[in-house]
Amino acid sequence: MEDLLKEEVIKLEGELTKLKTAVEYIETAKISIESASKIINTILELKKEFDELSDKAYSIIDKLNKVDFPTRMDRIDSKLLTVSTEIQEIKSWIETGDKALKMEMKAFSKNVLSVTNDNKNKIINRIDKQSREIKANRLGIMIAIIFIVALGVLFYLNIL
């Protein structure tokens, strides 16, 4: 009976060893399942973020598809052409004004030079006239002084 008991104990120990291995395997599987669950949750969160990002990308693509680039570029090109034409017109207007201003400046310069020369000639003629008058006045004064001195000498000498 003892042998039978020993045999049963050995069988029981074998079964316990198997049970221990199975429990360890179950615990390892449980840890693996928990890790897998966390990974799956992370993947689900990433998928959700990817879906949101994908929706935004599709929205942007839809907006870009709705933009009529050829028409917009044609309008921009037309506006650029209009601006270029206006710039050319302004340039032409400035050049015309510049030429007119130069002509007016030349005419004004000639006019000022002419008036200056006329005034210079008038001043020179006036100075010449005044110079002759001064010389005539000096001559008259000299003659008057000589006459007075001569009269004075004649009275002094009692000739008169």
Protein backbone atom coordinates (compact mmCIF):
# COMPACT_ATOMS: atom_id res chain seq x y z
CA MET A 1 0.00 0.00 0.00
CA GLU A 2 2.81 2.16 0.66
CA ASP A 3 3.99 1.56 -2.80
CA LEU A 4 0.67 2.50 -4.14
CA LEU A 5 0.72 5.65 -2.04
CA LYS A 6 4.22 6.47 -3.25
CA GLU A 7 3.15 5.92 -6.78
CA GLU A 8 0.14 8.19 -6.30
CA VAL A 9 2.33 10.85 -4.67
CA ILE A 10 4.75 10.64 -7.62
CA LYS A 11 1.86 10.94 -10.04
CA LEU A 12 0.49 13.82 -8.00
CA GLU A 13 3.92 15.53 -8.03
CA GLY A 14 4.07 15.06 -11.80
CA GLU A 15 0.60 16.53 -12.14
CA LEU A 16 1.57 19.42 -9.84
CA THR A 17 4.67 20.07 -11.93
CA LYS A 18 2.50 20.08 -15.04
CA LEU A 19 0.02 22.36 -13.25
CA LYS A 20 2.85 24.67 -12.16
CA THR A 21 4.15 24.84 -15.73
CA ALA A 22 0.62 25.47 -16.99
CA VAL A 23 0.12 28.25 -14.40
CA GLU A 24 3.43 29.84 -15.41
CA TYR A 25 2.41 29.53 -19.04
CA ILE A 26 -0.98 31.10 -18.23
CA GLU A 27 0.71 33.98 -16.32
CA THR A 28 3.09 34.55 -19.22
CA ALA A 29 0.14 34.48 -21.62
CA LYS A 30 -1.75 36.87 -19.35
CA ILE A 31 1.22 39.32 -19.40
CA SER A 32 1.49 38.89 -23.18
CA ILE A 33 -2.25 39.53 -23.55
CA GLU A 34 -2.01 42.68 -21.41
CA SER A 35 0.94 43.90 -23.50
CA ALA A 36 -0.93 43.03 -26.70
CA SER A 37 -3.99 44.87 -25.36
CA LYS A 38 -1.88 48.00 -24.71
CA ILE A 39 -0.34 47.73 -28.17
CA ILE A 40 -3.80 47.31 -29.72
CA ASN A 41 -5.10 50.35 -27.79
CA THR A 42 -2.10 52.38 -28.98
CA ILE A 43 -2.69 51.19 -32.53
CA LEU A 44 -6.37 52.15 -32.25
CA GLU A 45 -5.43 55.62 -30.98
CA LEU A 46 -2.90 56.00 -33.81
CA LYS A 47 -5.53 54.84 -36.31
CA LYS A 48 -7.98 57.40 -34.93
CA GLU A 49 -5.35 60.18 -35.25
CA PHE A 50 -4.47 58.92 -38.74
CA ASP A 51 -8.16 58.99 -39.72
CA GLU A 52 -8.48 62.58 -38.46
CA LEU A 53 -5.32 63.59 -40.30
CA SER A 54 -6.52 61.77 -43.39
CA ASP A 55 -9.87 63.62 -43.22
CA LYS A 56 -8.04 66.95 -42.98
CA ALA A 57 -5.80 66.01 -45.91
CA TYR A 58 -8.85 65.07 -48.01
CA SER A 59 -10.47 68.37 -47.03
CA ILE A 60 -7.40 70.30 -48.19
CA ILE A 61 -7.23 68.27 -51.40
CA ASP A 62 -10.93 69.02 -52.03
CA LYS A 63 -10.32 72.74 -51.50
CA LEU A 64 -7.35 72.64 -53.86
CA ASN A 65 -9.40 70.75 -56.44
CA LYS A 66 -12.12 73.42 -56.22
CA VAL A 67 -9.64 76.21 -57.00
CA ASP A 68 -9.71 77.07 -60.69
CA PHE A 69 -6.01 77.80 -61.14
CA PRO A 70 -6.12 78.51 -64.90
CA THR A 71 -8.83 81.16 -64.45
CA ARG A 72 -7.06 82.69 -61.47
CA MET A 73 -3.74 82.71 -63.33
CA ASP A 74 -5.45 84.31 -66.35
CA ARG A 75 -6.88 87.04 -64.08
CA ILE A 76 -3.47 87.60 -62.46
CA ASP A 77 -1.83 87.70 -65.90
CA SER A 78 -4.46 90.18 -67.10
CA LYS A 79 -3.91 92.40 -64.06
CA LEU A 80 -0.14 92.25 -64.54
CA LEU A 81 -0.58 93.25 -68.17
CA THR A 82 -2.82 96.17 -67.12
CA VAL A 83 -0.29 97.29 -64.50
CA SER A 84 2.53 97.00 -67.05
CA THR A 85 0.56 99.10 -69.55
CA GLU A 86 -0.18 101.71 -66.90
CA ILE A 87 3.50 101.83 -65.94
CA GLN A 88 4.45 102.36 -69.60
CA GLU A 89 1.87 105.16 -69.87
CA ILE A 90 3.20 106.81 -66.72
CA LYS A 91 6.75 106.45 -68.02
CA SER A 92 5.73 108.08 -71.32
CA TRP A 93 3.91 110.84 -69.44
CA ILE A 94 6.97 111.47 -67.25
CA GLU A 95 9.27 111.53 -70.29
CA THR A 96 6.94 114.01 -72.05
CA GLY A 97 6.80 116.16 -68.93
CA ASP A 98 10.57 115.95 -68.59
CA LYS A 99 11.06 117.11 -72.19
CA ALA A 100 8.55 119.94 -71.71
CA LEU A 101 10.24 120.94 -68.47
CA LYS A 102 13.65 120.96 -70.16
CA MET A 103 12.28 123.14 -72.97
CA GLU A 104 10.67 125.51 -70.47
CA MET A 105 13.91 125.64 -68.46
CA LYS A 106 15.89 126.49 -71.63
CA ALA A 107 13.37 129.18 -72.61
CA PHE A 108 13.36 130.56 -69.06
CA SER A 109 17.16 130.48 -68.98
CA LYS A 110 17.33 132.36 -72.30
CA ASN A 111 14.74 134.85 -71.06
CA VAL A 112 16.61 135.39 -67.79
CA LEU A 113 19.88 135.76 -69.71
CA SER A 114 18.28 138.25 -72.09
CA VAL A 115 16.75 140.29 -69.26
CA THR A 116 20.06 140.14 -67.38
CA ASN A 117 21.97 141.36 -70.44
CA ASP A 118 19.41 144.13 -71.01
CA ASN A 119 19.67 145.21 -67.39
CA LYS A 120 23.47 145.02 -67.57
CA ASN A 121 23.47 147.23 -70.68
CA LYS A 122 21.05 149.70 -69.03
CA ILE A 123 23.24 149.83 -65.92
CA ILE A 124 26.40 150.33 -68.00
CA ASN A 125 24.72 153.11 -70.06
CA ARG A 126 23.47 154.76 -66.87
CA ILE A 127 26.92 154.50 -65.27
CA ASP A 128 28.46 156.00 -68.43
CA LYS A 129 25.88 158.83 -68.39
CA GLN A 130 26.47 159.46 -64.68
CA SER A 131 30.21 159.33 -65.25
CA ARG A 132 29.90 162.00 -67.99
CA GLU A 133 27.65 164.09 -65.75
CA ILE A 134 30.15 163.76 -62.90
CA LYS A 135 33.00 164.78 -65.22
CA ALA A 136 30.93 167.72 -66.49
CA ASN A 137 30.09 168.71 -62.92
CA ARG A 138 33.76 168.45 -61.92
CA LEU A 139 34.76 170.52 -64.92
CA GLY A 140 32.10 173.10 -64.02
CA ILE A 141 33.23 173.12 -60.39
CA MET A 142 36.88 173.42 -61.47
CA ILE A 143 36.02 176.30 -63.80
CA ALA A 144 33.97 177.93 -61.03
CA ILE A 145 36.84 177.51 -58.56
CA ILE A 146 39.35 178.86 -61.08
CA PHE A 147 37.02 181.78 -61.82
CA ILE A 148 36.57 182.49 -58.10
CA VAL A 149 40.31 182.19 -57.47
CA ALA A 150 40.98 184.46 -60.46
CA LEU A 151 38.46 186.99 -59.12
CA GLY A 152 40.01 186.67 -55.71
CA VAL A 153 43.48 187.30 -57.15
CA LEU A 154 42.18 190.23 -59.18
CA PHE A 155 40.54 191.76 -56.10
CA TYR A 156 43.62 191.01 -54.11
CA LEU A 157 45.74 192.76 -56.63
CA ASN A 158 43.16 195.53 -56.79
CA ILE A 159 42.76 195.21 -60.43
CA LEU A 160 39.12 195.15 -60.24
